[in-house]
Amino acid sequence: MYKHQWVNGTEANLPAGKVVCVGRNYVAHAKELNNPVPSVPLLFIKPMTAYQHFAGDIVLDAALGAHHYEAEIALLIGKQLDKHSTSVLDAVVGVGLALDVTLRDEQDKLKKLGQPWERAKAYDGSCPITAFSPITSIEQLKNNEVRFWLNNELKQVGHSQHMIFSYEKLLSDICQFCTLLPGDVILTGTPEGVGKLTNNAEVRLQLNEEKPFTALVRIQ
């Protein structure tokens, strides 16, 4: 079973829960896929079975089709948030990074049919997540940057200040209809530069100026 990790290598005392994902939270990314810019957060969910550690080998199923990367800042929830919650940022106990791995061809088909995206987004292993840096101050949530490299080529750079919807707005919106529990994770959207993963590719994620996380992609 997947267990959340802290960057110091210890295990977080939180169960793995659902992953609430945010689509089109950067204007440039919405435009690169010819999508409209949303006026309210666009949300979907990955189940616990989508988790895998962004470390060592990231294993994906070749039979499903071409897997595309979307690098994102991830927020780890440490206490329950619901429609009665007020100080929503206080529930965030960790910040990390993740890949919202997507079957892009399948997603395009589903969008044309007006159908949900789960077949393209919620499959097993589709959410590699790094270890989390613990949050000891709200100040740590004001300026976060994600960088993603594919085979040593920088592909994506995104900053929390460039998001359409801030962390606070996202959490406030989500918990109005979907209770967040300790161990749940929020993926806050991907910047422009998404693309296809290849077998045996080296991938690297970096949060701010911290030590990057590195893994190898195994599509088999």
N, C-alpha and C. Protein backbone atom coordinates (compact mmCIF):
# COMPACT_ATOMS: atom_id res chain seq x y z
N MET A 1 0.84 -1.20 0.00
CA MET A 1 0.00 0.00 0.00
C MET A 1 0.88 1.25 0.00
N TYR A 2 0.44 2.27 -0.73
CA TYR A 2 1.19 3.51 -0.82
C TYR A 2 1.20 4.22 0.52
N LYS A 3 2.35 4.78 0.90
CA LYS A 3 2.49 5.59 2.11
C LYS A 3 3.13 6.92 1.74
N HIS A 4 2.56 8.00 2.23
CA HIS A 4 3.18 9.30 2.01
C HIS A 4 4.52 9.37 2.74
N GLN A 5 5.47 10.08 2.13
CA GLN A 5 6.81 10.21 2.69
C GLN A 5 7.14 11.69 2.90
N TRP A 6 7.93 11.96 3.93
CA TRP A 6 8.52 13.28 4.10
C TRP A 6 9.89 13.31 3.43
N VAL A 7 10.37 14.50 3.12
CA VAL A 7 11.64 14.61 2.40
C VAL A 7 12.83 14.10 3.22
N ASN A 8 12.67 14.00 4.53
CA ASN A 8 13.77 13.47 5.34
C ASN A 8 13.82 11.95 5.34
N GLY A 9 12.90 11.33 4.57
CA GLY A 9 12.90 9.87 4.44
C GLY A 9 11.98 9.14 5.39
N THR A 10 11.36 9.85 6.31
CA THR A 10 10.44 9.20 7.23
C THR A 10 9.05 9.11 6.62
N GLU A 11 8.26 8.20 7.17
CA GLU A 11 6.91 7.98 6.68
C GLU A 11 5.95 8.94 7.35
N ALA A 12 5.08 9.56 6.59
CA ALA A 12 4.07 10.44 7.16
C ALA A 12 2.97 9.60 7.80
N ASN A 13 2.51 10.01 8.96
CA ASN A 13 1.47 9.27 9.67
C ASN A 13 0.09 9.67 9.14
N LEU A 14 -0.07 9.46 7.83
CA LEU A 14 -1.32 9.82 7.16
C LEU A 14 -1.67 8.73 6.16
N PRO A 15 -2.91 8.31 6.10
CA PRO A 15 -3.31 7.29 5.13
C PRO A 15 -3.35 7.88 3.72
N ALA A 16 -3.08 7.07 2.73
CA ALA A 16 -3.22 7.52 1.35
C ALA A 16 -4.70 7.60 1.02
N GLY A 17 -5.12 8.73 0.52
CA GLY A 17 -6.54 8.94 0.20
C GLY A 17 -6.74 9.25 -1.26
N LYS A 18 -7.74 10.04 -1.54
CA LYS A 18 -8.03 10.43 -2.92
C LYS A 18 -7.12 11.58 -3.34
N VAL A 19 -6.99 11.75 -4.66
CA VAL A 19 -6.25 12.87 -5.23
C VAL A 19 -7.25 13.73 -6.00
N VAL A 20 -7.45 14.95 -5.56
CA VAL A 20 -8.32 15.87 -6.27
C VAL A 20 -7.45 16.72 -7.18
N CYS A 21 -7.71 16.64 -8.47
CA CYS A 21 -6.88 17.29 -9.48
C CYS A 21 -7.58 18.50 -10.06
N VAL A 22 -6.78 19.47 -10.44
CA VAL A 22 -7.30 20.71 -11.01
C VAL A 22 -6.83 20.83 -12.45
N GLY A 23 -7.76 20.98 -13.37
CA GLY A 23 -7.43 21.14 -14.77
C GLY A 23 -7.38 22.60 -15.19
N ARG A 24 -6.49 22.92 -16.10
CA ARG A 24 -6.44 24.26 -16.73
C ARG A 24 -6.31 25.39 -15.73
N ASN A 25 -5.35 25.26 -14.82
CA ASN A 25 -5.15 26.31 -13.81
C ASN A 25 -4.05 27.29 -14.19
N TYR A 26 -3.49 27.12 -15.40
CA TYR A 26 -2.55 28.09 -15.97
C TYR A 26 -3.08 28.46 -17.35
N VAL A 27 -3.14 29.74 -17.64
CA VAL A 27 -3.71 30.20 -18.92
C VAL A 27 -2.97 29.61 -20.10
N ALA A 28 -1.63 29.61 -20.05
CA ALA A 28 -0.84 29.14 -21.19
C ALA A 28 -1.09 27.66 -21.48
N HIS A 29 -1.27 26.85 -20.43
CA HIS A 29 -1.54 25.43 -20.65
C HIS A 29 -2.91 25.23 -21.28
N ALA A 30 -3.91 25.96 -20.83
CA ALA A 30 -5.24 25.85 -21.44
C ALA A 30 -5.16 26.15 -22.93
N LYS A 31 -4.39 27.18 -23.27
CA LYS A 31 -4.29 27.59 -24.67
C LYS A 31 -3.50 26.58 -25.51
N GLU A 32 -2.47 25.94 -24.92
CA GLU A 32 -1.65 25.02 -25.72
C GLU A 32 -2.45 23.79 -26.14
N LEU A 33 -3.50 23.44 -25.40
CA LEU A 33 -4.37 22.31 -25.77
C LEU A 33 -5.69 22.79 -26.38
N ASN A 34 -5.73 24.08 -26.74
CA ASN A 34 -6.92 24.66 -27.38
C ASN A 34 -8.17 24.50 -26.53
N ASN A 35 -8.00 24.72 -25.22
CA ASN A 35 -9.12 24.64 -24.29
C ASN A 35 -9.50 26.03 -23.80
N PRO A 36 -10.77 26.25 -23.48
CA PRO A 36 -11.16 27.54 -22.90
C PRO A 36 -10.59 27.70 -21.49
N VAL A 37 -10.35 28.94 -21.09
CA VAL A 37 -9.88 29.22 -19.74
C VAL A 37 -11.08 29.18 -18.81
N PRO A 38 -11.05 28.36 -17.76
CA PRO A 38 -12.23 28.20 -16.90
C PRO A 38 -12.50 29.41 -16.02
N SER A 39 -13.78 29.60 -15.71
CA SER A 39 -14.18 30.67 -14.79
C SER A 39 -14.33 30.15 -13.36
N VAL A 40 -14.42 28.84 -13.21
CA VAL A 40 -14.41 28.18 -11.90
C VAL A 40 -13.46 26.99 -12.02
N PRO A 41 -12.90 26.51 -10.91
CA PRO A 41 -11.95 25.39 -10.99
C PRO A 41 -12.57 24.16 -11.66
N LEU A 42 -11.79 23.57 -12.58
CA LEU A 42 -12.18 22.33 -13.26
C LEU A 42 -11.55 21.18 -12.48
N LEU A 43 -12.39 20.30 -11.94
CA LEU A 43 -11.91 19.29 -11.00
C LEU A 43 -12.21 17.88 -11.47
N PHE A 44 -11.30 16.96 -11.13
CA PHE A 44 -11.53 15.53 -11.32
C PHE A 44 -10.73 14.80 -10.25
N ILE A 45 -10.99 13.51 -10.08
CA ILE A 45 -10.38 12.75 -8.98
C ILE A 45 -9.64 11.52 -9.49
N LYS A 46 -8.47 11.30 -8.91
CA LYS A 46 -7.73 10.04 -9.10
C LYS A 46 -7.87 9.23 -7.81
N PRO A 47 -8.10 7.93 -7.91
CA PRO A 47 -8.24 7.11 -6.71
C PRO A 47 -6.88 6.78 -6.09
N MET A 48 -6.93 6.17 -4.90
CA MET A 48 -5.70 5.78 -4.22
C MET A 48 -4.85 4.84 -5.06
N THR A 49 -5.47 4.02 -5.91
CA THR A 49 -4.73 3.08 -6.74
C THR A 49 -3.91 3.76 -7.84
N ALA A 50 -4.10 5.07 -8.04
CA ALA A 50 -3.30 5.80 -9.01
C ALA A 50 -1.92 6.18 -8.47
N TYR A 51 -1.76 6.12 -7.15
CA TYR A 51 -0.50 6.52 -6.54
C TYR A 51 0.66 5.60 -6.94
N GLN A 52 1.83 6.19 -7.08
CA GLN A 52 3.10 5.49 -6.98
C GLN A 52 4.15 6.53 -6.60
N HIS A 53 5.24 6.07 -6.02
CA HIS A 53 6.30 6.98 -5.60
C HIS A 53 7.07 7.51 -6.82
N PHE A 54 7.33 8.81 -6.81
CA PHE A 54 8.22 9.40 -7.81
C PHE A 54 9.65 9.18 -7.31
N ALA A 55 10.11 7.96 -7.52
CA ALA A 55 11.45 7.54 -7.07
C ALA A 55 11.73 6.18 -7.68
N GLY A 56 13.00 5.90 -7.97
CA GLY A 56 13.31 4.61 -8.58
C GLY A 56 12.68 4.51 -9.96
N ASP A 57 11.84 3.49 -10.15
CA ASP A 57 11.15 3.29 -11.43
C ASP A 57 9.69 3.72 -11.32
N ILE A 58 9.24 4.49 -12.31
CA ILE A 58 7.83 4.80 -12.48
C ILE A 58 7.31 3.83 -13.53
N VAL A 59 6.43 2.93 -13.14
CA VAL A 59 5.98 1.86 -14.01
C VAL A 59 4.59 2.18 -14.57
N LEU A 60 4.49 2.14 -15.90
CA LEU A 60 3.24 2.43 -16.59
C LEU A 60 2.92 1.31 -17.57
N ASP A 61 1.65 1.14 -17.84
CA ASP A 61 1.17 0.04 -18.68
C ASP A 61 1.18 0.43 -20.15
N ALA A 62 2.04 -0.23 -20.94
CA ALA A 62 2.16 0.08 -22.36
C ALA A 62 0.86 -0.21 -23.12
N ALA A 63 0.09 -1.18 -22.65
CA ALA A 63 -1.13 -1.57 -23.36
C ALA A 63 -2.20 -0.48 -23.36
N LEU A 64 -2.06 0.49 -22.47
CA LEU A 64 -3.08 1.54 -22.38
C LEU A 64 -2.91 2.61 -23.45
N GLY A 65 -1.72 2.72 -24.03
CA GLY A 65 -1.47 3.75 -25.04
C GLY A 65 -0.36 4.69 -24.61
N ALA A 66 -0.28 5.84 -25.26
CA ALA A 66 0.77 6.82 -24.98
C ALA A 66 0.45 7.61 -23.71
N HIS A 67 1.42 7.63 -22.80
CA HIS A 67 1.28 8.34 -21.53
C HIS A 67 1.94 9.72 -21.65
N HIS A 68 1.23 10.76 -21.24
CA HIS A 68 1.76 12.12 -21.28
C HIS A 68 1.97 12.65 -19.87
N TYR A 69 3.02 13.44 -19.69
CA TYR A 69 3.33 14.03 -18.39
C TYR A 69 2.64 15.38 -18.21
N GLU A 70 2.26 15.66 -16.97
CA GLU A 70 1.79 16.99 -16.55
C GLU A 70 2.34 17.20 -15.14
N ALA A 71 3.36 18.03 -15.01
CA ALA A 71 4.00 18.26 -13.71
C ALA A 71 3.19 19.27 -12.90
N GLU A 72 3.03 18.98 -11.60
CA GLU A 72 2.16 19.82 -10.77
C GLU A 72 2.68 19.94 -9.35
N ILE A 73 2.36 21.05 -8.70
CA ILE A 73 2.57 21.21 -7.27
C ILE A 73 1.46 20.45 -6.53
N ALA A 74 1.86 19.69 -5.51
CA ALA A 74 0.90 18.86 -4.77
C ALA A 74 0.83 19.34 -3.32
N LEU A 75 -0.38 19.39 -2.79
CA LEU A 75 -0.61 19.79 -1.40
C LEU A 75 -1.13 18.59 -0.62
N LEU A 76 -0.51 18.30 0.51
CA LEU A 76 -0.92 17.19 1.37
C LEU A 76 -1.82 17.72 2.48
N ILE A 77 -3.01 17.15 2.59
CA ILE A 77 -4.00 17.58 3.58
C ILE A 77 -3.78 16.82 4.89
N GLY A 78 -3.78 17.57 6.00
CA GLY A 78 -3.52 16.95 7.29
C GLY A 78 -4.68 16.95 8.25
N LYS A 79 -5.74 17.68 7.92
CA LYS A 79 -6.93 17.64 8.76
C LYS A 79 -8.16 17.84 7.89
N GLN A 80 -9.31 17.43 8.41
CA GLN A 80 -10.53 17.45 7.60
C GLN A 80 -10.93 18.87 7.21
N LEU A 81 -11.32 18.99 5.94
CA LEU A 81 -11.88 20.23 5.43
C LEU A 81 -13.25 19.93 4.84
N ASP A 82 -14.25 20.71 5.25
CA ASP A 82 -15.59 20.55 4.68
C ASP A 82 -16.21 21.92 4.48
N LYS A 83 -17.48 21.96 4.14
CA LYS A 83 -18.14 23.22 3.79
C LYS A 83 -18.23 24.21 4.95
N HIS A 84 -17.94 23.74 6.15
CA HIS A 84 -17.97 24.63 7.32
C HIS A 84 -16.59 25.17 7.67
N SER A 85 -15.57 24.72 6.97
CA SER A 85 -14.20 25.14 7.28
C SER A 85 -13.95 26.57 6.84
N THR A 86 -13.11 27.26 7.58
CA THR A 86 -12.80 28.66 7.26
C THR A 86 -11.32 28.83 6.88
N SER A 87 -10.41 28.59 7.78
CA SER A 87 -8.98 28.79 7.50
C SER A 87 -8.43 27.56 6.79
N VAL A 88 -8.71 27.49 5.48
CA VAL A 88 -8.43 26.25 4.74
C VAL A 88 -6.93 25.97 4.60
N LEU A 89 -6.11 26.99 4.52
CA LEU A 89 -4.68 26.76 4.35
C LEU A 89 -4.05 26.09 5.57
N ASP A 90 -4.69 26.23 6.72
CA ASP A 90 -4.18 25.59 7.93
C ASP A 90 -4.22 24.07 7.83
N ALA A 91 -5.01 23.53 6.92
CA ALA A 91 -5.12 22.08 6.77
C ALA A 91 -3.99 21.49 5.94
N VAL A 92 -3.19 22.33 5.28
CA VAL A 92 -2.09 21.85 4.43
C VAL A 92 -0.87 21.59 5.31
N VAL A 93 -0.41 20.34 5.35
CA VAL A 93 0.73 19.98 6.19
C VAL A 93 1.99 19.69 5.38
N GLY A 94 1.85 19.60 4.06
CA GLY A 94 3.02 19.31 3.23
C GLY A 94 2.84 19.83 1.82
N VAL A 95 3.94 20.17 1.18
CA VAL A 95 3.92 20.54 -0.23
C VAL A 95 4.95 19.69 -0.96
N GLY A 96 4.55 19.14 -2.08
CA GLY A 96 5.44 18.29 -2.88
C GLY A 96 5.13 18.48 -4.35
N LEU A 97 5.46 17.47 -5.15
CA LEU A 97 5.27 17.54 -6.59
C LEU A 97 4.70 16.21 -7.07
N ALA A 98 4.10 16.24 -8.24
CA ALA A 98 3.51 15.02 -8.79
C ALA A 98 3.42 15.15 -10.30
N LEU A 99 3.24 13.99 -10.94
CA LEU A 99 2.89 13.96 -12.35
C LEU A 99 1.44 13.50 -12.47
N ASP A 100 0.63 14.30 -13.12
CA ASP A 100 -0.72 13.88 -13.51
C ASP A 100 -0.54 13.20 -14.86
N VAL A 101 -0.24 11.90 -14.84
CA VAL A 101 0.01 11.17 -16.09
C VAL A 101 -1.33 10.94 -16.80
N THR A 102 -1.34 11.19 -18.10
CA THR A 102 -2.59 11.24 -18.85
C THR A 102 -2.47 10.46 -20.16
N LEU A 103 -3.52 9.71 -20.48
CA LEU A 103 -3.64 9.10 -21.81
C LEU A 103 -4.28 10.15 -22.72
N ARG A 104 -3.44 10.93 -23.39
CA ARG A 104 -3.94 12.11 -24.10
C ARG A 104 -4.89 11.74 -25.23
N ASP A 105 -4.58 10.69 -25.99
CA ASP A 105 -5.47 10.30 -27.08
C ASP A 105 -6.85 9.91 -26.55
N GLU A 106 -6.84 9.17 -25.45
CA GLU A 106 -8.10 8.76 -24.82
C GLU A 106 -8.85 9.98 -24.29
N GLN A 107 -8.13 10.91 -23.68
CA GLN A 107 -8.78 12.11 -23.17
C GLN A 107 -9.43 12.92 -24.29
N ASP A 108 -8.73 13.04 -25.42
CA ASP A 108 -9.28 13.77 -26.55
C ASP A 108 -10.58 13.13 -27.04
N LYS A 109 -10.62 11.80 -27.08
CA LYS A 109 -11.84 11.10 -27.48
C LYS A 109 -12.98 11.37 -26.51
N LEU A 110 -12.67 11.31 -25.23
CA LEU A 110 -13.69 11.52 -24.21
C LEU A 110 -14.23 12.94 -24.25
N LYS A 111 -13.34 13.91 -24.48
CA LYS A 111 -13.80 15.31 -24.54
C LYS A 111 -14.75 15.52 -25.72
N LYS A 112 -14.43 14.91 -26.86
CA LYS A 112 -15.30 15.05 -28.03
C LYS A 112 -16.67 14.44 -27.79
N LEU A 113 -16.72 13.39 -26.97
CA LEU A 113 -17.98 12.72 -26.66
C LEU A 113 -18.70 13.36 -25.48
N GLY A 114 -18.06 14.34 -24.84
CA GLY A 114 -18.66 14.98 -23.68
C GLY A 114 -18.71 14.07 -22.47
N GLN A 115 -17.76 13.12 -22.39
CA GLN A 115 -17.76 12.14 -21.31
C GLN A 115 -16.69 12.46 -20.28
N PRO A 116 -16.82 11.91 -19.06
CA PRO A 116 -15.81 12.14 -18.02
C PRO A 116 -14.43 11.63 -18.44
N TRP A 117 -13.40 12.10 -17.75
CA TRP A 117 -12.02 11.83 -18.13
C TRP A 117 -11.38 10.66 -17.41
N GLU A 118 -12.11 9.95 -16.53
CA GLU A 118 -11.46 8.97 -15.67
C GLU A 118 -10.65 7.92 -16.42
N ARG A 119 -11.11 7.45 -17.57
CA ARG A 119 -10.36 6.44 -18.32
C ARG A 119 -8.98 6.97 -18.73
N ALA A 120 -8.86 8.27 -18.89
CA ALA A 120 -7.60 8.88 -19.31
C ALA A 120 -6.75 9.38 -18.15
N LYS A 121 -7.35 9.49 -16.98
CA LYS A 121 -6.66 10.15 -15.86
C LYS A 121 -6.54 9.30 -14.60
N ALA A 122 -7.48 8.37 -14.38
CA ALA A 122 -7.60 7.73 -13.06
C ALA A 122 -7.08 6.30 -13.03
N TYR A 123 -6.33 5.90 -14.03
CA TYR A 123 -5.87 4.51 -14.11
C TYR A 123 -4.74 4.23 -13.13
N ASP A 124 -4.48 2.96 -12.90
CA ASP A 124 -3.47 2.54 -11.93
C ASP A 124 -2.10 3.14 -12.28
N GLY A 125 -1.45 3.72 -11.28
CA GLY A 125 -0.10 4.24 -11.45
C GLY A 125 -0.02 5.60 -12.11
N SER A 126 -1.15 6.25 -12.35
CA SER A 126 -1.16 7.50 -13.12
C SER A 126 -0.84 8.73 -12.29
N CYS A 127 -0.40 8.53 -11.04
CA CYS A 127 -0.09 9.69 -10.19
C CYS A 127 1.18 9.46 -9.38
N PRO A 128 2.36 9.52 -10.02
CA PRO A 128 3.61 9.46 -9.26
C PRO A 128 3.78 10.73 -8.41
N ILE A 129 4.01 10.55 -7.12
CA ILE A 129 4.10 11.68 -6.18
C ILE A 129 5.44 11.63 -5.45
N THR A 130 6.07 12.79 -5.28
CA THR A 130 7.32 12.89 -4.55
C THR A 130 7.05 12.87 -3.04
N ALA A 131 8.13 12.83 -2.28
CA ALA A 131 8.03 13.07 -0.84
C ALA A 131 7.62 14.53 -0.62
N PHE A 132 7.07 14.80 0.56
CA PHE A 132 6.55 16.13 0.88
C PHE A 132 7.47 16.88 1.84
N SER A 133 7.60 18.18 1.61
CA SER A 133 8.25 19.05 2.58
C SER A 133 7.21 19.50 3.60
N PRO A 134 7.48 19.35 4.89
CA PRO A 134 6.48 19.74 5.89
C PRO A 134 6.26 21.25 5.91
N ILE A 135 5.03 21.64 6.14
CA ILE A 135 4.67 23.05 6.22
C ILE A 135 4.62 23.46 7.68
N THR A 136 5.45 24.40 8.05
CA THR A 136 5.46 24.90 9.42
C THR A 136 4.95 26.34 9.49
N SER A 137 4.75 26.97 8.32
CA SER A 137 4.27 28.35 8.27
C SER A 137 3.50 28.56 6.97
N ILE A 138 2.44 29.34 7.04
CA ILE A 138 1.66 29.67 5.84
C ILE A 138 2.52 30.37 4.80
N GLU A 139 3.58 31.03 5.25
CA GLU A 139 4.48 31.72 4.32
C GLU A 139 5.06 30.76 3.28
N GLN A 140 5.20 29.48 3.64
CA GLN A 140 5.76 28.48 2.72
C GLN A 140 4.83 28.19 1.54
N LEU A 141 3.59 28.63 1.63
CA LEU A 141 2.63 28.38 0.56
C LEU A 141 2.43 29.59 -0.35
N LYS A 142 3.23 30.61 -0.18
CA LYS A 142 3.03 31.83 -0.97
C LYS A 142 3.82 31.86 -2.27
N ASN A 143 4.97 31.21 -2.32
CA ASN A 143 5.84 31.27 -3.50
C ASN A 143 6.43 29.90 -3.78
N ASN A 144 5.73 29.12 -4.57
CA ASN A 144 6.21 27.78 -4.93
C ASN A 144 6.40 27.67 -6.43
N GLU A 145 7.48 27.02 -6.82
CA GLU A 145 7.78 26.83 -8.25
C GLU A 145 8.05 25.37 -8.52
N VAL A 146 7.53 24.87 -9.63
CA VAL A 146 7.78 23.50 -10.07
C VAL A 146 8.59 23.55 -11.37
N ARG A 147 9.60 22.68 -11.45
CA ARG A 147 10.35 22.50 -12.69
C ARG A 147 10.36 21.02 -13.03
N PHE A 148 10.23 20.71 -14.32
CA PHE A 148 10.22 19.32 -14.77
C PHE A 148 11.16 19.15 -15.95
N TRP A 149 12.05 18.13 -15.85
CA TRP A 149 12.98 17.80 -16.93
C TRP A 149 12.66 16.41 -17.47
N LEU A 150 12.75 16.25 -18.76
CA LEU A 150 12.65 14.95 -19.42
C LEU A 150 13.97 14.72 -20.14
N ASN A 151 14.71 13.69 -19.72
CA ASN A 151 16.03 13.41 -20.29
C ASN A 151 16.92 14.66 -20.31
N ASN A 152 16.99 15.31 -19.15
CA ASN A 152 17.84 16.49 -18.93
C ASN A 152 17.41 17.73 -19.71
N GLU A 153 16.26 17.69 -20.36
CA GLU A 153 15.75 18.86 -21.07
C GLU A 153 14.61 19.47 -20.26
N LEU A 154 14.76 20.73 -19.88
CA LEU A 154 13.73 21.41 -19.09
C LEU A 154 12.47 21.59 -19.95
N LYS A 155 11.37 21.01 -19.49
CA LYS A 155 10.14 21.02 -20.26
C LYS A 155 9.06 21.92 -19.68
N GLN A 156 9.01 22.01 -18.35
CA GLN A 156 7.94 22.77 -17.72
C GLN A 156 8.48 23.58 -16.54
N VAL A 157 7.98 24.80 -16.43
CA VAL A 157 8.24 25.66 -15.28
C VAL A 157 6.92 26.34 -14.93
N GLY A 158 6.51 26.21 -13.67
CA GLY A 158 5.27 26.85 -13.25
C GLY A 158 5.41 27.43 -11.86
N HIS A 159 4.73 28.52 -11.62
CA HIS A 159 4.80 29.22 -10.34
C HIS A 159 3.41 29.38 -9.76
N SER A 160 3.29 29.19 -8.46
CA SER A 160 1.97 29.28 -7.83
C SER A 160 1.33 30.65 -8.00
N GLN A 161 2.13 31.69 -8.13
CA GLN A 161 1.57 33.03 -8.31
C GLN A 161 0.96 33.24 -9.69
N HIS A 162 1.25 32.33 -10.62
CA HIS A 162 0.71 32.44 -11.97
C HIS A 162 -0.54 31.58 -12.17
N MET A 163 -0.98 30.91 -11.11
CA MET A 163 -2.19 30.10 -11.21
C MET A 163 -3.43 30.97 -11.35
N ILE A 164 -4.40 30.48 -12.09
CA ILE A 164 -5.67 31.20 -12.21
C ILE A 164 -6.37 31.22 -10.86
N PHE A 165 -6.39 30.06 -10.20
CA PHE A 165 -7.02 29.93 -8.88
C PHE A 165 -5.95 29.59 -7.85
N SER A 166 -5.86 30.38 -6.80
CA SER A 166 -4.85 30.20 -5.76
C SER A 166 -5.13 28.94 -4.96
N TYR A 167 -4.14 28.53 -4.16
CA TYR A 167 -4.34 27.39 -3.26
C TYR A 167 -5.60 27.60 -2.41
N GLU A 168 -5.72 28.78 -1.83
CA GLU A 168 -6.85 29.05 -0.93
C GLU A 168 -8.17 28.95 -1.67
N LYS A 169 -8.24 29.51 -2.87
CA LYS A 169 -9.47 29.44 -3.66
C LYS A 169 -9.79 28.00 -4.01
N LEU A 170 -8.79 27.22 -4.39
CA LEU A 170 -9.03 25.82 -4.76
C LEU A 170 -9.58 25.03 -3.57
N LEU A 171 -8.92 25.14 -2.42
CA LEU A 171 -9.35 24.40 -1.25
C LEU A 171 -10.75 24.83 -0.80
N SER A 172 -11.01 26.12 -0.83
CA SER A 172 -12.33 26.62 -0.43
C SER A 172 -13.41 26.10 -1.36
N ASP A 173 -13.11 26.05 -2.65
CA ASP A 173 -14.09 25.58 -3.62
C ASP A 173 -14.33 24.08 -3.49
N ILE A 174 -13.24 23.31 -3.38
CA ILE A 174 -13.37 21.85 -3.32
C ILE A 174 -14.18 21.42 -2.10
N CYS A 175 -13.87 21.99 -0.94
CA CYS A 175 -14.50 21.50 0.29
C CYS A 175 -15.95 21.93 0.44
N GLN A 176 -16.46 22.74 -0.47
CA GLN A 176 -17.89 23.08 -0.44
C GLN A 176 -18.76 21.89 -0.83
N PHE A 177 -18.22 20.97 -1.59
CA PHE A 177 -19.03 19.83 -2.04
C PHE A 177 -18.33 18.49 -1.83
N CYS A 178 -17.04 18.51 -1.53
CA CYS A 178 -16.27 17.28 -1.39
C CYS A 178 -15.39 17.40 -0.15
N THR A 179 -15.73 16.69 0.90
CA THR A 179 -14.96 16.74 2.13
C THR A 179 -13.55 16.19 1.89
N LEU A 180 -12.57 16.94 2.33
CA LEU A 180 -11.18 16.50 2.24
C LEU A 180 -10.76 15.91 3.58
N LEU A 181 -10.07 14.77 3.54
CA LEU A 181 -9.68 14.05 4.74
C LEU A 181 -8.16 14.00 4.87
N PRO A 182 -7.65 13.78 6.08
CA PRO A 182 -6.20 13.64 6.25
C PRO A 182 -5.63 12.55 5.34
N GLY A 183 -4.59 12.90 4.59
CA GLY A 183 -4.00 11.98 3.62
C GLY A 183 -4.41 12.23 2.20
N ASP A 184 -5.47 13.02 1.99
CA ASP A 184 -5.85 13.41 0.64
C ASP A 184 -4.79 14.36 0.07
N VAL A 185 -4.70 14.41 -1.26
CA VAL A 185 -3.73 15.27 -1.95
C VAL A 185 -4.47 16.10 -2.99
N ILE A 186 -4.05 17.35 -3.13
CA ILE A 186 -4.57 18.23 -4.16
C ILE A 186 -3.47 18.48 -5.18
N LEU A 187 -3.74 18.17 -6.45
CA LEU A 187 -2.84 18.56 -7.54
C LEU A 187 -3.36 19.86 -8.12
N THR A 188 -2.51 20.88 -8.15
CA THR A 188 -2.98 22.25 -8.36
C THR A 188 -2.95 22.74 -9.80
N GLY A 189 -2.70 21.84 -10.76
CA GLY A 189 -2.70 22.23 -12.16
C GLY A 189 -1.30 22.25 -12.74
N THR A 190 -1.22 22.08 -14.05
CA THR A 190 0.08 22.01 -14.73
C THR A 190 0.32 23.23 -15.60
N PRO A 191 1.56 23.72 -15.68
CA PRO A 191 1.90 24.80 -16.62
C PRO A 191 2.05 24.26 -18.03
N GLU A 192 2.30 25.14 -18.96
CA GLU A 192 2.47 24.74 -20.35
C GLU A 192 3.73 23.87 -20.51
N GLY A 193 3.76 23.11 -21.62
CA GLY A 193 4.93 22.30 -21.92
C GLY A 193 4.71 20.81 -21.76
N VAL A 194 3.44 20.38 -21.64
CA VAL A 194 3.16 18.95 -21.48
C VAL A 194 3.57 18.18 -22.73
N GLY A 195 3.80 16.87 -22.55
CA GLY A 195 4.22 16.06 -23.69
C GLY A 195 4.25 14.59 -23.36
N LYS A 196 4.79 13.80 -24.28
CA LYS A 196 4.75 12.33 -24.18
C LYS A 196 5.94 11.80 -23.39
N LEU A 197 5.66 10.81 -22.55
CA LEU A 197 6.71 10.06 -21.86
C LEU A 197 7.18 8.91 -22.75
N THR A 198 8.45 8.58 -22.65
CA THR A 198 9.00 7.47 -23.42
C THR A 198 9.64 6.45 -22.47
N ASN A 199 9.68 5.20 -22.91
CA ASN A 199 10.27 4.15 -22.09
C ASN A 199 11.75 4.43 -21.83
N ASN A 200 12.17 4.19 -20.60
CA ASN A 200 13.55 4.39 -20.14
C ASN A 200 13.97 5.86 -20.05
N ALA A 201 13.00 6.76 -20.14
CA ALA A 201 13.32 8.18 -19.99
C ALA A 201 13.64 8.50 -18.54
N GLU A 202 14.58 9.42 -18.34
CA GLU A 202 14.84 9.94 -17.00
C GLU A 202 13.98 11.19 -16.81
N VAL A 203 13.27 11.24 -15.69
CA VAL A 203 12.43 12.40 -15.39
C VAL A 203 12.88 12.99 -14.06
N ARG A 204 12.76 14.31 -13.96
CA ARG A 204 13.23 15.00 -12.76
C ARG A 204 12.26 16.12 -12.40
N LEU A 205 11.92 16.21 -11.13
CA LEU A 205 11.05 17.25 -10.61
C LEU A 205 11.78 18.03 -9.54
N GLN A 206 11.60 19.36 -9.53
CA GLN A 206 12.22 20.19 -8.51
C GLN A 206 11.21 21.20 -7.97
N LEU A 207 11.13 21.28 -6.66
CA LEU A 207 10.30 22.28 -5.98
C LEU A 207 11.19 23.39 -5.47
N ASN A 208 10.94 24.61 -5.94
CA ASN A 208 11.73 25.77 -5.55
C ASN A 208 13.22 25.47 -5.78
N GLU A 209 14.05 25.66 -4.78
CA GLU A 209 15.49 25.40 -4.93
C GLU A 209 15.91 24.14 -4.20
N GLU A 210 14.94 23.29 -3.85
CA GLU A 210 15.26 22.07 -3.13
C GLU A 210 15.93 21.05 -4.05
N LYS A 211 16.50 20.02 -3.45
CA LYS A 211 17.13 18.96 -4.22
C LYS A 211 16.10 18.28 -5.12
N PRO A 212 16.39 18.13 -6.42
CA PRO A 212 15.42 17.52 -7.34
C PRO A 212 15.17 16.04 -7.02
N PHE A 213 13.99 15.57 -7.39
CA PHE A 213 13.64 14.16 -7.34
C PHE A 213 13.84 13.58 -8.74
N THR A 214 14.45 12.41 -8.83
CA THR A 214 14.73 11.79 -10.12
C THR A 214 14.16 10.37 -10.15
N ALA A 215 13.65 9.97 -11.32
CA ALA A 215 13.12 8.62 -11.50
C ALA A 215 13.30 8.20 -12.95
N LEU A 216 13.14 6.90 -13.22
CA LEU A 216 13.18 6.37 -14.56
C LEU A 216 11.80 5.85 -14.94
N VAL A 217 11.38 6.11 -16.15
CA VAL A 217 10.07 5.67 -16.64
C VAL A 217 10.19 4.30 -17.26
N ARG A 218 9.39 3.36 -16.83
CA ARG A 218 9.33 2.02 -17.41
C ARG A 218 7.93 1.80 -17.95
N ILE A 219 7.80 1.82 -19.26
CA ILE A 219 6.51 1.57 -19.90
C ILE A 219 6.56 0.16 -20.44
N GLN A 220 5.79 -0.75 -19.84
CA GLN A 220 5.94 -2.16 -20.17
C GLN A 220 4.61 -2.90 -20.06
